[in-house]
Protein backbone atom coordinates (compact mmCIF):
# COMPACT_ATOMS: atom_id res chain seq x y z
CA MET A 1 83.01 -57.10 -20.98
CA GLY A 2 79.42 -56.93 -22.31
CA LYS A 3 78.44 -60.07 -20.39
CA ILE A 4 79.66 -58.58 -17.11
CA VAL A 5 77.52 -55.46 -17.56
CA GLU A 6 74.53 -57.58 -18.55
CA THR A 7 74.98 -59.83 -15.50
CA VAL A 8 75.26 -56.86 -13.13
CA LEU A 9 72.12 -55.28 -14.59
CA ASP A 10 70.29 -58.62 -14.26
CA ILE A 11 71.27 -58.84 -10.60
CA ILE A 12 70.15 -55.27 -9.92
CA LEU A 13 66.82 -55.95 -11.63
CA LEU A 14 66.39 -59.15 -9.63
CA ILE A 15 67.06 -57.29 -6.36
CA LEU A 16 64.56 -54.55 -7.27
CA CYS A 17 61.91 -57.17 -8.06
CA ALA A 18 62.57 -58.99 -4.77
CA VAL A 19 62.33 -55.78 -2.73
CA SER A 20 59.12 -54.79 -4.54
CA LEU A 21 57.59 -58.19 -3.85
CA LEU A 22 58.53 -58.00 -0.17
CA ASN A 23 56.80 -54.60 0.14
CA ILE A 24 53.65 -55.91 -1.53
CA VAL A 25 53.59 -59.05 0.63
CA GLY A 26 54.06 -56.90 3.75
CA ALA A 27 51.10 -54.71 2.81
CA ASN A 28 49.01 -57.82 2.21
CA ASN A 29 49.99 -59.21 5.62
CA ASN A 30 48.82 -55.97 7.25
CA ALA A 31 45.48 -56.28 5.44
CA ILE A 32 45.11 -59.87 6.64
CA SER A 33 45.88 -58.78 10.22
CA ALA A 34 43.25 -56.04 10.00
CA ASN A 35 40.68 -58.53 8.70
CA ASP A 36 41.51 -60.93 11.55
CA TYR A 37 41.15 -58.13 14.09
CA ALA A 38 37.78 -57.11 12.62
CA SER A 39 36.56 -60.72 12.83
CA ASN A 40 37.72 -61.02 16.44
CA ALA A 41 36.07 -57.73 17.40
CA GLN A 42 32.87 -58.88 15.71
CA ALA A 43 32.89 -62.14 17.69
CA ILE A 44 33.62 -60.37 21.00
CA ILE A 45 30.93 -57.74 20.49
CA SER A 46 28.38 -60.34 19.38
CA ALA A 47 29.17 -62.54 22.39
CA SER A 48 28.66 -59.58 24.72
CA ASN A 49 25.20 -58.90 23.24
CA LEU A 50 26.39 -55.46 22.04
CA ASN A 51 27.46 -54.34 25.51
CA PRO A 52 28.54 -50.65 25.38
CA GLU A 53 31.52 -51.24 27.71
CA VAL A 54 32.81 -54.06 25.52
CA ILE A 55 32.39 -51.90 22.42
CA THR A 56 34.36 -49.09 24.06
CA ASN A 57 37.13 -51.52 25.05
CA CYS A 58 37.30 -52.88 21.50
CA GLU A 59 37.52 -49.34 20.09
CA GLU A 60 40.36 -48.46 22.49
CA ASP A 61 42.19 -51.70 21.71
CA ALA A 62 41.87 -50.98 17.99
CA ARG A 63 43.38 -47.50 18.48
CA ASN A 64 46.29 -49.06 20.40
CA LYS A 65 46.92 -51.41 17.46
CA GLY A 66 46.84 -48.60 14.90
CA TYR A 67 43.29 -49.18 13.62
CA ASP A 68 40.21 -46.97 13.74
CA LEU A 69 37.14 -48.97 14.80
CA ASN A 70 33.73 -47.32 14.52
CA VAL A 71 30.74 -49.22 15.88
CA THR A 72 27.21 -48.07 15.04
CA ILE A 73 24.28 -49.77 16.76
CA TYR A 74 20.95 -49.98 14.94
CA ASN A 75 17.49 -50.77 16.35
CA GLU A 76 18.65 -50.20 19.93
CA THR A 77 15.14 -50.36 21.31
CA SER A 78 14.34 -53.73 19.74
CA ALA A 79 15.51 -56.85 21.55
CA LEU A 80 15.09 -59.08 18.49
CA SER A 81 16.51 -57.04 15.64
CA LYS A 82 19.28 -55.08 17.37
CA TYR A 83 22.60 -55.20 15.51
CA ALA A 84 25.85 -53.30 15.12
CA VAL A 85 27.90 -52.40 12.07
CA LEU A 86 31.65 -52.42 12.65
CA ASP A 87 33.84 -50.34 10.33
CA LEU A 88 37.56 -50.97 10.79
CA ASN A 89 39.77 -48.45 8.98
CA TYR A 90 43.44 -49.25 8.48
CA ASP A 91 46.35 -47.93 6.44
CA TYR A 92 47.45 -49.92 3.41
CA LYS A 93 51.04 -48.90 2.63
CA ILE A 94 53.57 -49.95 0.04
CA ALA A 95 56.51 -47.80 1.09
CA LEU A 96 58.75 -48.48 -1.89
CA PHE A 97 56.22 -47.00 -4.32
CA GLY A 98 54.99 -44.29 -1.95
CA PHE A 99 51.53 -45.84 -2.08
CA GLU A 100 49.29 -45.27 0.96
CA THR A 101 45.52 -45.51 1.20
CA THR A 102 42.99 -46.14 3.92
CA HIS A 103 41.01 -49.34 3.55
CA THR A 104 37.88 -50.32 5.44
CA LYS A 105 36.65 -53.71 6.63
CA THR A 106 32.96 -53.86 7.49
CA LYS A 107 31.43 -56.52 9.75
CA ILE A 108 27.98 -56.97 11.30
CA ALA A 109 27.54 -58.07 14.91
CA ARG A 110 24.23 -59.37 16.19
């Protein structure tokens, strides 16, 4: 009888560990997706030479995907040293543990 109880508890513990791992991997996948989106937005904005319309489109697209993209342009009057800082905010959630924070990816577009 003791072995049956021990086996059932082992199975329950194994299931809890598996579910926990799946939640952590899912949160990591969301972070990787946000990093990929930030890199793509950086490439698009850089290729457009910091075009305001392209920046607006990227910000709207980010909102549609659940991200918050803030683009700040520096040295706007200079043709040689003009650049933009992209801050992409996204939610990092591990639902099983009730863990939720906002993370930020920062990129520079030239």
